[in-house]
Amino acid sequence: MTEFESKCYGMTEQDIRDQYINSLTAKLSGLEMVVMSILSDCQEMQNFGIDTKEQIRKQMNVAKFILAEMMDARRNEEMVLVSSDGREIA
């Protein structure tokens, strides 16, 4: 785990992919539901006091990471390469 991953997420980016993005919940309900669940958990953690502030911050970063992965995937799906004469390449 890199120092950035440790400070930002508390886990590796690969762990996020394995535990959240490739989870059963993601497969059955979609990544949007996974993000909503993380944010809901953050709301609940607020009731536990100041000691959870750092964990809430890290979980919110996990949610943002998942959203960024979703945006990248969508952008890659929409990308179509076109040659100079207008023909689709890929």
PDB file of N, CA and C in Angstrom:
ATOM      1  N   MET A   1       0.863  -1.175   0.000  1.00  0.00           N
ATOM      2  CA  MET A   1       0.000   0.000   0.000  1.00  0.00           C
ATOM      3  C   MET A   1       0.900   1.225   0.000  1.00  0.00           C
ATOM      4  N   THR A   2       0.589   2.138  -0.919  1.00  0.00           N
ATOM      5  CA  THR A   2       1.369   3.371  -0.969  1.00  0.00           C
ATOM      6  C   THR A   2       0.953   4.294   0.174  1.00  0.00           C
ATOM      7  N   GLU A   3       1.794   5.277   0.457  1.00  0.00           N
ATOM      8  CA  GLU A   3       1.468   6.250   1.503  1.00  0.00           C
ATOM      9  C   GLU A   3       0.189   7.013   1.129  1.00  0.00           C
ATOM     10  N   PHE A   4       0.067   7.361  -0.165  1.00  0.00           N
ATOM     11  CA  PHE A   4      -1.137   8.058  -0.615  1.00  0.00           C
ATOM     12  C   PHE A   4      -2.385   7.225  -0.358  1.00  0.00           C
ATOM     13  N   GLU A   5      -2.339   5.948  -0.760  1.00  0.00           N
ATOM     14  CA  GLU A   5      -3.500   5.071  -0.565  1.00  0.00           C
ATOM     15  C   GLU A   5      -3.848   4.949   0.916  1.00  0.00           C
ATOM     16  N   SER A   6      -2.829   4.810   1.739  1.00  0.00           N
ATOM     17  CA  SER A   6      -3.047   4.683   3.178  1.00  0.00           C
ATOM     18  C   SER A   6      -3.722   5.918   3.760  1.00  0.00           C
ATOM     19  N   LYS A   7      -3.221   7.078   3.390  1.00  0.00           N
ATOM     20  CA  LYS A   7      -3.768   8.324   3.932  1.00  0.00           C
ATOM     21  C   LYS A   7      -5.109   8.694   3.320  1.00  0.00           C
ATOM     22  N   CYS A   8      -5.291   8.353   2.061  1.00  0.00           N
ATOM     23  CA  CYS A   8      -6.503   8.763   1.349  1.00  0.00           C
ATOM     24  C   CYS A   8      -7.657   7.783   1.556  1.00  0.00           C
ATOM     25  N   TYR A   9      -7.384   6.487   1.442  1.00  0.00           N
ATOM     26  CA  TYR A   9      -8.445   5.481   1.464  1.00  0.00           C
ATOM     27  C   TYR A   9      -8.385   4.531   2.661  1.00  0.00           C
ATOM     28  N   GLY A  10      -7.188   4.333   3.226  1.00  0.00           N
ATOM     29  CA  GLY A  10      -7.020   3.330   4.264  1.00  0.00           C
ATOM     30  C   GLY A  10      -6.939   1.924   3.700  1.00  0.00           C
ATOM     31  N   MET A  11      -6.815   1.805   2.400  1.00  0.00           N
ATOM     32  CA  MET A  11      -6.692   0.529   1.693  1.00  0.00           C
ATOM     33  C   MET A  11      -6.117   0.827   0.315  1.00  0.00           C
ATOM     34  N   THR A  12      -5.727  -0.203  -0.395  1.00  0.00           N
ATOM     35  CA  THR A  12      -5.184   0.017  -1.740  1.00  0.00           C
ATOM     36  C   THR A  12      -6.321   0.223  -2.740  1.00  0.00           C
ATOM     37  N   GLU A  13      -5.980   0.820  -3.858  1.00  0.00           N
ATOM     38  CA  GLU A  13      -6.972   0.983  -4.924  1.00  0.00           C
ATOM     39  C   GLU A  13      -7.439  -0.379  -5.421  1.00  0.00           C
ATOM     40  N   GLN A  14      -6.529  -1.365  -5.421  1.00  0.00           N
ATOM     41  CA  GLN A  14      -6.924  -2.719  -5.833  1.00  0.00           C
ATOM     42  C   GLN A  14      -7.915  -3.312  -4.837  1.00  0.00           C
ATOM     43  N   ASP A  15      -7.717  -3.024  -3.539  1.00  0.00           N
ATOM     44  CA  ASP A  15      -8.684  -3.474  -2.530  1.00  0.00           C
ATOM     45  C   ASP A  15     -10.060  -2.872  -2.790  1.00  0.00           C
ATOM     46  N   ILE A  16     -10.091  -1.602  -3.183  1.00  0.00           N
ATOM     47  CA  ILE A  16     -11.373  -0.943  -3.493  1.00  0.00           C
ATOM     48  C   ILE A  16     -12.040  -1.667  -4.664  1.00  0.00           C
ATOM     49  N   ARG A  17     -11.252  -1.975  -5.679  1.00  0.00           N
ATOM     50  CA  ARG A  17     -11.810  -2.691  -6.836  1.00  0.00           C
ATOM     51  C   ARG A  17     -12.334  -4.067  -6.422  1.00  0.00           C
ATOM     52  N   ASP A  18     -11.535  -4.787  -5.621  1.00  0.00           N
ATOM     53  CA  ASP A  18     -11.916  -6.146  -5.210  1.00  0.00           C
ATOM     54  C   ASP A  18     -13.120  -6.148  -4.275  1.00  0.00           C
ATOM     55  N   GLN A  19     -13.118  -5.274  -3.273  1.00  0.00           N
ATOM     56  CA  GLN A  19     -14.135  -5.318  -2.225  1.00  0.00           C
ATOM     57  C   GLN A  19     -15.404  -4.543  -2.555  1.00  0.00           C
ATOM     58  N   TYR A  20     -15.298  -3.549  -3.409  1.00  0.00           N
ATOM     59  CA  TYR A  20     -16.470  -2.724  -3.730  1.00  0.00           C
ATOM     60  C   TYR A  20     -16.902  -2.866  -5.192  1.00  0.00           C
ATOM     61  N   ILE A  21     -16.000  -2.553  -6.119  1.00  0.00           N
ATOM     62  CA  ILE A  21     -16.369  -2.502  -7.533  1.00  0.00           C
ATOM     63  C   ILE A  21     -16.733  -3.884  -8.072  1.00  0.00           C
ATOM     64  N   ASN A  22     -16.052  -4.917  -7.593  1.00  0.00           N
ATOM     65  CA  ASN A  22     -16.330  -6.283  -8.059  1.00  0.00           C
ATOM     66  C   ASN A  22     -17.181  -7.070  -7.070  1.00  0.00           C
ATOM     67  N   SER A  23     -17.855  -6.375  -6.165  1.00  0.00           N
ATOM     68  CA  SER A  23     -18.651  -7.038  -5.134  1.00  0.00           C
ATOM     69  C   SER A  23     -19.967  -7.581  -5.693  1.00  0.00           C
ATOM     70  N   LEU A  24     -20.587  -8.442  -4.914  1.00  0.00           N
ATOM     71  CA  LEU A  24     -21.889  -8.989  -5.285  1.00  0.00           C
ATOM     72  C   LEU A  24     -22.926  -7.865  -5.380  1.00  0.00           C
ATOM     73  N   THR A  25     -22.878  -6.915  -4.449  1.00  0.00           N
ATOM     74  CA  THR A  25     -23.809  -5.778  -4.486  1.00  0.00           C
ATOM     75  C   THR A  25     -23.664  -5.008  -5.791  1.00  0.00           C
ATOM     76  N   ALA A  26     -22.427  -4.774  -6.211  1.00  0.00           N
ATOM     77  CA  ALA A  26     -22.189  -4.050  -7.464  1.00  0.00           C
ATOM     78  C   ALA A  26     -22.756  -4.823  -8.647  1.00  0.00           C
ATOM     79  N   LYS A  27     -22.567  -6.135  -8.639  1.00  0.00           N
ATOM     80  CA  LYS A  27     -23.061  -6.952  -9.753  1.00  0.00           C
ATOM     81  C   LYS A  27     -24.587  -7.002  -9.795  1.00  0.00           C
ATOM     82  N   LEU A  28     -25.212  -7.068  -8.613  1.00  0.00           N
ATOM     83  CA  LEU A  28     -26.669  -7.196  -8.566  1.00  0.00           C
ATOM     84  C   LEU A  28     -27.402  -5.857  -8.625  1.00  0.00           C
ATOM     85  N   SER A  29     -26.830  -4.826  -7.998  1.00  0.00           N
ATOM     86  CA  SER A  29     -27.547  -3.552  -7.869  1.00  0.00           C
ATOM     87  C   SER A  29     -26.874  -2.378  -8.566  1.00  0.00           C
ATOM     88  N   GLY A  30     -25.635  -2.556  -8.975  1.00  0.00           N
ATOM     89  CA  GLY A  30     -24.931  -1.489  -9.666  1.00  0.00           C
ATOM     90  C   GLY A  30     -24.018  -0.695  -8.746  1.00  0.00           C
ATOM     91  N   LEU A  31     -23.039  -0.052  -9.350  1.00  0.00           N
ATOM     92  CA  LEU A  31     -22.080   0.736  -8.584  1.00  0.00           C
ATOM     93  C   LEU A  31     -22.716   1.946  -7.917  1.00  0.00           C
ATOM     94  N   GLU A  32     -23.787   2.451  -8.503  1.00  0.00           N
ATOM     95  CA  GLU A  32     -24.482   3.581  -7.878  1.00  0.00           C
ATOM     96  C   GLU A  32     -24.967   3.198  -6.487  1.00  0.00           C
ATOM     97  N   MET A  33     -25.487   1.991  -6.346  1.00  0.00           N
ATOM     98  CA  MET A  33     -25.957   1.519  -5.040  1.00  0.00           C
ATOM     99  C   MET A  33     -24.795   1.340  -4.068  1.00  0.00           C
ATOM    100  N   VAL A  34     -23.662   0.895  -4.579  1.00  0.00           N
ATOM    101  CA  VAL A  34     -22.477   0.752  -3.729  1.00  0.00           C
ATOM    102  C   VAL A  34     -22.083   2.118  -3.172  1.00  0.00           C
ATOM    103  N   VAL A  35     -22.041   3.132  -4.026  1.00  0.00           N
ATOM    104  CA  VAL A  35     -21.682   4.484  -3.585  1.00  0.00           C
ATOM    105  C   VAL A  35     -22.716   5.005  -2.591  1.00  0.00           C
ATOM    106  N   MET A  36     -23.991   4.790  -2.867  1.00  0.00           N
ATOM    107  CA  MET A  36     -25.029   5.235  -1.925  1.00  0.00           C
ATOM    108  C   MET A  36     -24.875   4.555  -0.576  1.00  0.00           C
ATOM    109  N   SER A  37     -24.511   3.297  -0.566  1.00  0.00           N
ATOM    110  CA  SER A  37     -24.313   2.568   0.686  1.00  0.00           C
ATOM    111  C   SER A  37     -23.139   3.129   1.475  1.00  0.00           C
ATOM    112  N   ILE A  38     -22.055   3.445   0.791  1.00  0.00           N
ATOM    113  CA  ILE A  38     -20.893   4.026   1.460  1.00  0.00           C
ATOM    114  C   ILE A  38     -21.266   5.366   2.087  1.00  0.00           C
ATOM    115  N   LEU A  39     -21.968   6.202   1.318  1.00  0.00           N
ATOM    116  CA  LEU A  39     -22.368   7.511   1.839  1.00  0.00           C
ATOM    117  C   LEU A  39     -23.345   7.374   3.002  1.00  0.00           C
ATOM    118  N   SER A  40     -24.229   6.398   2.932  1.00  0.00           N
ATOM    119  CA  SER A  40     -25.153   6.137   4.038  1.00  0.00           C
ATOM    120  C   SER A  40     -24.382   5.716   5.285  1.00  0.00           C
ATOM    121  N   ASP A  41     -23.377   4.858   5.098  1.00  0.00           N
ATOM    122  CA  ASP A  41     -22.534   4.449   6.227  1.00  0.00           C
ATOM    123  C   ASP A  41     -21.838   5.658   6.845  1.00  0.00           C
ATOM    124  N   CYS A  42     -21.376   6.568   6.011  1.00  0.00           N
ATOM    125  CA  CYS A  42     -20.717   7.790   6.511  1.00  0.00           C
ATOM    126  C   CYS A  42     -21.682   8.610   7.366  1.00  0.00           C
ATOM    127  N   GLN A  43     -22.919   8.708   6.931  1.00  0.00           N
ATOM    128  CA  GLN A  43     -23.916   9.423   7.728  1.00  0.00           C
ATOM    129  C   GLN A  43     -24.097   8.771   9.086  1.00  0.00           C
ATOM    130  N   GLU A  44     -24.172   7.459   9.111  1.00  0.00           N
ATOM    131  CA  GLU A  44     -24.340   6.739  10.375  1.00  0.00           C
ATOM    132  C   GLU A  44     -23.123   6.918  11.279  1.00  0.00           C
ATOM    133  N   MET A  45     -21.925   6.901  10.684  1.00  0.00           N
ATOM    134  CA  MET A  45     -20.707   7.043  11.477  1.00  0.00           C
ATOM    135  C   MET A  45     -20.629   8.408  12.160  1.00  0.00           C
ATOM    136  N   GLN A  46     -21.273   9.408  11.591  1.00  0.00           N
ATOM    137  CA  GLN A  46     -21.261  10.738  12.205  1.00  0.00           C
ATOM    138  C   GLN A  46     -21.865  10.707  13.604  1.00  0.00           C
ATOM    139  N   ASN A  47     -22.753   9.786  13.861  1.00  0.00           N
ATOM    140  CA  ASN A  47     -23.395   9.680  15.164  1.00  0.00           C
ATOM    141  C   ASN A  47     -22.476   9.107  16.237  1.00  0.00           C
ATOM    142  N   PHE A  48     -21.322   8.546  15.828  1.00  0.00           N
ATOM    143  CA  PHE A  48     -20.444   7.878  16.785  1.00  0.00           C
ATOM    144  C   PHE A  48     -19.404   8.807  17.400  1.00  0.00           C
ATOM    145  N   GLY A  49     -19.283  10.032  16.930  1.00  0.00           N
ATOM    146  CA  GLY A  49     -18.370  10.980  17.558  1.00  0.00           C
ATOM    147  C   GLY A  49     -17.151  11.321  16.742  1.00  0.00           C
ATOM    148  N   ILE A  50     -16.287  12.096  17.364  1.00  0.00           N
ATOM    149  CA  ILE A  50     -15.122  12.665  16.688  1.00  0.00           C
ATOM    150  C   ILE A  50     -14.126  11.605  16.242  1.00  0.00           C
ATOM    151  N   ASP A  51     -14.001  10.522  16.968  1.00  0.00           N
ATOM    152  CA  ASP A  51     -13.021   9.490  16.630  1.00  0.00           C
ATOM    153  C   ASP A  51     -13.235   8.894  15.244  1.00  0.00           C
ATOM    154  N   THR A  52     -14.413   9.032  14.701  1.00  0.00           N
ATOM    155  CA  THR A  52     -14.714   8.447  13.389  1.00  0.00           C
ATOM    156  C   THR A  52     -14.500   9.435  12.245  1.00  0.00           C
ATOM    157  N   LYS A  53     -14.123  10.660  12.545  1.00  0.00           N
ATOM    158  CA  LYS A  53     -13.981  11.695  11.509  1.00  0.00           C
ATOM    159  C   LYS A  53     -13.017  11.268  10.401  1.00  0.00           C
ATOM    160  N   GLU A  54     -11.871  10.698  10.771  1.00  0.00           N
ATOM    161  CA  GLU A  54     -10.877  10.262   9.786  1.00  0.00           C
ATOM    162  C   GLU A  54     -11.415   9.095   8.952  1.00  0.00           C
ATOM    163  N   GLN A  55     -12.110   8.166   9.563  1.00  0.00           N
ATOM    164  CA  GLN A  55     -12.681   7.031   8.827  1.00  0.00           C
ATOM    165  C   GLN A  55     -13.762   7.504   7.861  1.00  0.00           C
ATOM    166  N   ILE A  56     -14.564   8.458   8.263  1.00  0.00           N
ATOM    167  CA  ILE A  56     -15.589   9.021   7.379  1.00  0.00           C
ATOM    168  C   ILE A  56     -14.929   9.656   6.161  1.00  0.00           C
ATOM    169  N   ARG A  57     -13.850  10.425   6.398  1.00  0.00           N
ATOM    170  CA  ARG A  57     -13.136  11.084   5.294  1.00  0.00           C
ATOM    171  C   ARG A  57     -12.606  10.044   4.315  1.00  0.00           C
ATOM    172  N   LYS A  58     -12.034   8.974   4.828  1.00  0.00           N
ATOM    173  CA  LYS A  58     -11.485   7.937   3.954  1.00  0.00           C
ATOM    174  C   LYS A  58     -12.591   7.225   3.178  1.00  0.00           C
ATOM    175  N   GLN A  59     -13.714   6.939   3.817  1.00  0.00           N
ATOM    176  CA  GLN A  59     -14.827   6.276   3.129  1.00  0.00           C
ATOM    177  C   GLN A  59     -15.410   7.173   2.036  1.00  0.00           C
ATOM    178  N   MET A  60     -15.459   8.472   2.303  1.00  0.00           N
ATOM    179  CA  MET A  60     -15.936   9.397   1.262  1.00  0.00           C
ATOM    180  C   MET A  60     -14.963   9.405   0.081  1.00  0.00           C
ATOM    181  N   ASN A  61     -13.668   9.286   0.347  1.00  0.00           N
ATOM    182  CA  ASN A  61     -12.687   9.188  -0.736  1.00  0.00           C
ATOM    183  C   ASN A  61     -12.856   7.892  -1.521  1.00  0.00           C
ATOM    184  N   VAL A  62     -13.212   6.816  -0.844  1.00  0.00           N
ATOM    185  CA  VAL A  62     -13.497   5.547  -1.542  1.00  0.00           C
ATOM    186  C   VAL A  62     -14.685   5.738  -2.484  1.00  0.00           C
ATOM    187  N   ALA A  63     -15.729   6.399  -2.013  1.00  0.00           N
ATOM    188  CA  ALA A  63     -16.907   6.667  -2.853  1.00  0.00           C
ATOM    189  C   ALA A  63     -16.510   7.504  -4.066  1.00  0.00           C
ATOM    190  N   LYS A  64     -15.677   8.522  -3.858  1.00  0.00           N
ATOM    191  CA  LYS A  64     -15.229   9.367  -4.974  1.00  0.00           C
ATOM    192  C   LYS A  64     -14.379   8.565  -5.959  1.00  0.00           C
ATOM    193  N   PHE A  65     -13.546   7.658  -5.443  1.00  0.00           N
ATOM    194  CA  PHE A  65     -12.737   6.802  -6.317  1.00  0.00           C
ATOM    195  C   PHE A  65     -13.636   5.954  -7.212  1.00  0.00           C
ATOM    196  N   ILE A  66     -14.671   5.375  -6.622  1.00  0.00           N
ATOM    197  CA  ILE A  66     -15.598   4.540  -7.401  1.00  0.00           C
ATOM    198  C   ILE A  66     -16.304   5.381  -8.466  1.00  0.00           C
ATOM    199  N   LEU A  67     -16.748   6.574  -8.095  1.00  0.00           N
ATOM    200  CA  LEU A  67     -17.385   7.462  -9.073  1.00  0.00           C
ATOM    201  C   LEU A  67     -16.432   7.812 -10.213  1.00  0.00           C
ATOM    202  N   ALA A  68     -15.164   8.077  -9.876  1.00  0.00           N
ATOM    203  CA  ALA A  68     -14.172   8.392 -10.908  1.00  0.00           C
ATOM    204  C   ALA A  68     -13.952   7.204 -11.837  1.00  0.00           C
ATOM    205  N   GLU A  69     -13.919   5.988 -11.273  1.00  0.00           N
ATOM    206  CA  GLU A  69     -13.785   4.785 -12.097  1.00  0.00           C
ATOM    207  C   GLU A  69     -14.983   4.624 -13.035  1.00  0.00           C
ATOM    208  N   MET A  70     -16.171   4.928 -12.526  1.00  0.00           N
ATOM    209  CA  MET A  70     -17.377   4.845 -13.348  1.00  0.00           C
ATOM    210  C   MET A  70     -17.316   5.859 -14.492  1.00  0.00           C
ATOM    211  N   MET A  71     -16.873   7.069 -14.183  1.00  0.00           N
ATOM    212  CA  MET A  71     -16.770   8.104 -15.212  1.00  0.00           C
ATOM    213  C   MET A  71     -15.747   7.715 -16.272  1.00  0.00           C
ATOM    214  N   ASP A  72     -14.584   7.177 -15.838  1.00  0.00           N
ATOM    215  CA  ASP A  72     -13.570   6.741 -16.792  1.00  0.00           C
ATOM    216  C   ASP A  72     -14.096   5.632 -17.693  1.00  0.00           C
ATOM    217  N   ALA A  73     -14.809   4.678 -17.101  1.00  0.00           N
ATOM    218  CA  ALA A  73     -15.369   3.572 -17.894  1.00  0.00           C
ATOM    219  C   ALA A  73     -16.370   4.092 -18.916  1.00  0.00           C
ATOM    220  N   ARG A  74     -17.210   5.004 -18.494  1.00  0.00           N
ATOM    221  CA  ARG A  74     -18.210   5.576 -19.400  1.00  0.00           C
ATOM    222  C   ARG A  74     -17.531   6.363 -20.519  1.00  0.00           C
ATOM    223  N   ARG A  75     -16.514   7.112 -20.172  1.00  0.00           N
ATOM    224  CA  ARG A  75     -15.778   7.907 -21.164  1.00  0.00           C
ATOM    225  C   ARG A  75     -15.120   6.983 -22.182  1.00  0.00           C
ATOM    226  N   ASN A  76     -14.554   5.882 -21.724  1.00  0.00           N
ATOM    227  CA  ASN A  76     -13.904   4.936 -22.635  1.00  0.00           C
ATOM    228  C   ASN A  76     -14.909   4.236 -23.535  1.00  0.00           C
ATOM    229  N   GLU A  77     -16.117   3.977 -23.041  1.00  0.00           N
ATOM    230  CA  GLU A  77     -17.155   3.358 -23.861  1.00  0.00           C
ATOM    231  C   GLU A  77     -17.619   4.300 -24.962  1.00  0.00           C
ATOM    232  N   GLU A  78     -17.663   5.586 -24.650  1.00  0.00           N
ATOM    233  CA  GLU A  78     -18.170   6.568 -25.602  1.00  0.00           C
ATOM    234  C   GLU A  78     -17.126   6.989 -26.622  1.00  0.00           C
ATOM    235  N   MET A  79     -15.851   6.707 -26.339  1.00  0.00           N
ATOM    236  CA  MET A  79     -14.795   7.156 -27.222  1.00  0.00           C
ATOM    237  C   MET A  79     -14.789   6.340 -28.506  1.00  0.00           C
ATOM    238  N   VAL A  80     -14.904   7.016 -29.602  1.00  0.00           N
ATOM    239  CA  VAL A  80     -14.846   6.372 -30.904  1.00  0.00           C
ATOM    240  C   VAL A  80     -13.788   7.107 -31.715  1.00  0.00           C
ATOM    241  N   LEU A  81     -12.809   6.364 -32.209  1.00  0.00           N
ATOM    242  CA  LEU A  81     -11.757   6.970 -33.012  1.00  0.00           C
ATOM    243  C   LEU A  81     -12.215   7.077 -34.460  1.00  0.00           C
ATOM    244  N   VAL A  82     -11.967   8.241 -35.037  1.00  0.00           N
ATOM    245  CA  VAL A  82     -12.378   8.505 -36.408  1.00  0.00           C
ATOM    246  C   VAL A  82     -11.174   8.958 -37.190  1.00  0.00           C
ATOM    247  N   SER A  83     -11.013   8.415 -38.398  1.00  0.00           N
ATOM    248  CA  SER A  83      -9.883   8.831 -39.254  1.00  0.00           C
ATOM    249  C   SER A  83     -10.178  10.196 -39.840  1.00  0.00           C
ATOM    250  N   SER A  84      -9.163  10.785 -40.489  1.00  0.00           N
ATOM    251  CA  SER A  84      -9.315  12.124 -41.061  1.00  0.00           C
ATOM    252  C   SER A  84     -10.399  12.191 -42.137  1.00  0.00           C
ATOM    253  N   ASP A  85     -10.723  11.051 -42.758  1.00  0.00           N
ATOM    254  CA  ASP A  85     -11.783  11.053 -43.773  1.00  0.00           C
ATOM    255  C   ASP A  85     -13.152  10.700 -43.189  1.00  0.00           C
ATOM    256  N   GLY A  86     -13.227  10.637 -41.848  1.00  0.00           N
ATOM    257  CA  GLY A  86     -14.522  10.437 -41.196  1.00  0.00           C
ATOM    258  C   GLY A  86     -14.910   8.994 -40.949  1.00  0.00           C
ATOM    259  N   ARG A  87     -14.058   8.051 -41.293  1.00  0.00           N
ATOM    260  CA  ARG A  87     -14.357   6.638 -41.050  1.00  0.00           C
ATOM    261  C   ARG A  87     -14.040   6.269 -39.605  1.00  0.00           C
ATOM    262  N   GLU A  88     -14.902   5.437 -39.041  1.00  0.00           N
ATOM    263  CA  GLU A  88     -14.680   4.953 -37.677  1.00  0.00           C
ATOM    264  C   GLU A  88     -13.542   3.958 -37.661  1.00  0.00           C
ATOM    265  N   ILE A  89     -12.577   4.167 -36.764  1.00  0.00           N
ATOM    266  CA  ILE A  89     -11.414   3.293 -36.668  1.00  0.00           C
ATOM    267  C   ILE A  89     -11.636   2.223 -35.604  1.00  0.00           C
ATOM    268  N   ALA A  90     -12.139   2.644 -34.447  1.00  0.00           N
ATOM    269  CA  ALA A  90     -12.325   1.683 -33.355  1.00  0.00           C
ATOM    270  C   ALA A  90     -13.551   2.032 -32.556  1.00  0.00           C
TER     271      ALA A  90
END
